[in-house]
Amino acid sequence: MIRTLKRDWAIVYNMFNENDNKGFGWDEHRQMVVIEDAMWNSYISSYKAAGKFGHRYFPYYDQRNSIYAKD
């Protein structure tokens, strides 16, 4: 379970922190990644594991940052 939480967090974290990933945003109220559909489709063609996070609730992102970003 812990490995799954960390793996999923790393996928979302990389969306925001890789140098060429402009256009990603975070909707604090809905706790989800926001990005234009065309950009999203382009991104997931290269990063298939990220596909499950498009337009999907991803709770506790900030708390996971506090835990995993130090690793």
C-alpha atoms as a PDB file:
ATOM      1  CA  MET A   1       0.000   0.000   0.000  1.00  0.00           C
ATOM      2  CA  ILE A   2       2.758   2.471   0.941  1.00  0.00           C
ATOM      3  CA  ARG A   3       4.662   1.764  -2.276  1.00  0.00           C
ATOM      4  CA  THR A   4       1.510   2.343  -4.304  1.00  0.00           C
ATOM      5  CA  LEU A   5       0.863   5.667  -2.552  1.00  0.00           C
ATOM      6  CA  LYS A   6       4.428   6.795  -3.168  1.00  0.00           C
ATOM      7  CA  ARG A   7       4.446   5.608  -6.808  1.00  0.00           C
ATOM      8  CA  ASP A   8       1.189   7.435  -7.554  1.00  0.00           C
ATOM      9  CA  TRP A   9       2.431  10.572  -5.805  1.00  0.00           C
ATOM     10  CA  ALA A  10       5.676  10.464  -7.831  1.00  0.00           C
ATOM     11  CA  ILE A  11       3.741  10.325 -11.101  1.00  0.00           C
ATOM     12  CA  VAL A  12       1.678  13.393 -10.196  1.00  0.00           C
ATOM     13  CA  TYR A  13       4.686  15.193  -8.684  1.00  0.00           C
ATOM     14  CA  ASN A  14       6.655  14.726 -11.908  1.00  0.00           C
ATOM     15  CA  MET A  15       3.824  16.256 -13.918  1.00  0.00           C
ATOM     16  CA  PHE A  16       4.404  19.530 -12.101  1.00  0.00           C
ATOM     17  CA  ASN A  17       8.161  19.420 -11.725  1.00  0.00           C
ATOM     18  CA  GLU A  18       9.662  18.219 -14.992  1.00  0.00           C
ATOM     19  CA  ASN A  19      11.189  21.111 -16.936  1.00  0.00           C
ATOM     20  CA  ASP A  20       9.094  20.778 -20.071  1.00  0.00           C
ATOM     21  CA  ASN A  21       5.732  20.324 -18.349  1.00  0.00           C
ATOM     22  CA  LYS A  22       4.177  23.746 -18.605  1.00  0.00           C
ATOM     23  CA  GLY A  23       0.409  23.964 -18.459  1.00  0.00           C
ATOM     24  CA  PHE A  24      -0.264  21.645 -15.540  1.00  0.00           C
ATOM     25  CA  GLY A  25      -2.284  23.100 -12.718  1.00  0.00           C
ATOM     26  CA  TRP A  26      -3.804  21.939  -9.460  1.00  0.00           C
ATOM     27  CA  ASP A  27      -7.429  22.434  -8.470  1.00  0.00           C
ATOM     28  CA  GLU A  28      -7.268  22.644  -4.689  1.00  0.00           C
ATOM     29  CA  HIS A  29     -11.030  22.403  -4.246  1.00  0.00           C
ATOM     30  CA  ARG A  30     -11.447  19.273  -6.378  1.00  0.00           C
ATOM     31  CA  GLN A  31      -7.994  17.867  -5.485  1.00  0.00           C
ATOM     32  CA  MET A  32      -7.079  17.083  -9.076  1.00  0.00           C
ATOM     33  CA  VAL A  33      -4.679  17.889 -11.883  1.00  0.00           C
ATOM     34  CA  VAL A  34      -6.010  20.354 -14.441  1.00  0.00           C
ATOM     35  CA  ILE A  35      -4.679  20.739 -17.963  1.00  0.00           C
ATOM     36  CA  GLU A  36      -6.094  21.339 -21.411  1.00  0.00           C
ATOM     37  CA  ASP A  37      -7.216  18.137 -23.135  1.00  0.00           C
ATOM     38  CA  ALA A  38      -4.837  18.470 -26.095  1.00  0.00           C
ATOM     39  CA  MET A  39      -1.835  18.898 -23.785  1.00  0.00           C
ATOM     40  CA  TRP A  40      -3.002  16.016 -21.614  1.00  0.00           C
ATOM     41  CA  ASN A  41      -3.360  13.680 -24.579  1.00  0.00           C
ATOM     42  CA  SER A  42       0.135  14.582 -25.738  1.00  0.00           C
ATOM     43  CA  TYR A  43       1.564  13.997 -22.249  1.00  0.00           C
ATOM     44  CA  ILE A  44      -0.027  10.594 -21.719  1.00  0.00           C
ATOM     45  CA  SER A  45       1.153   9.392 -25.108  1.00  0.00           C
ATOM     46  CA  SER A  46       4.666   9.557 -23.612  1.00  0.00           C
ATOM     47  CA  TYR A  47       3.802   8.828 -19.966  1.00  0.00           C
ATOM     48  CA  LYS A  48       1.143   6.125 -20.041  1.00  0.00           C
ATOM     49  CA  ALA A  49       1.234   5.523 -16.273  1.00  0.00           C
ATOM     50  CA  ALA A  50      -0.069   9.060 -15.757  1.00  0.00           C
ATOM     51  CA  GLY A  51      -3.232   8.340 -17.734  1.00  0.00           C
ATOM     52  CA  LYS A  52      -5.233   7.326 -14.686  1.00  0.00           C
ATOM     53  CA  PHE A  53      -4.768  10.764 -13.113  1.00  0.00           C
ATOM     54  CA  GLY A  54      -6.442  12.815 -15.812  1.00  0.00           C
ATOM     55  CA  HIS A  55      -9.645  14.422 -14.554  1.00  0.00           C
ATOM     56  CA  ARG A  56      -9.517  12.242 -11.462  1.00  0.00           C
ATOM     57  CA  TYR A  57      -9.552  13.005  -7.747  1.00  0.00           C
ATOM     58  CA  PHE A  58      -6.080  12.683  -6.154  1.00  0.00           C
ATOM     59  CA  PRO A  59      -6.476  13.309  -2.410  1.00  0.00           C
ATOM     60  CA  TYR A  60      -3.803  14.500   0.013  1.00  0.00           C
ATOM     61  CA  TYR A  61      -1.316  15.694  -2.596  1.00  0.00           C
ATOM     62  CA  ASP A  62       0.112  18.372  -0.280  1.00  0.00           C
ATOM     63  CA  GLN A  63       0.430  15.951   2.614  1.00  0.00           C
ATOM     64  CA  ARG A  64       2.149  13.394   0.379  1.00  0.00           C
ATOM     65  CA  ASN A  65       4.591  16.103  -0.702  1.00  0.00           C
ATOM     66  CA  SER A  66       5.503  16.641   2.941  1.00  0.00           C
ATOM     67  CA  ILE A  67       6.230  12.948   3.363  1.00  0.00           C
ATOM     68  CA  TYR A  68       7.737  11.810   0.065  1.00  0.00           C
ATOM     69  CA  ALA A  69       9.521  14.868  -1.323  1.00  0.00           C
ATOM     70  CA  LYS A  70      12.253  14.319   1.254  1.00  0.00           C
ATOM     71  CA  ASP A  71      13.076  10.811  -0.065  1.00  0.00           C
END
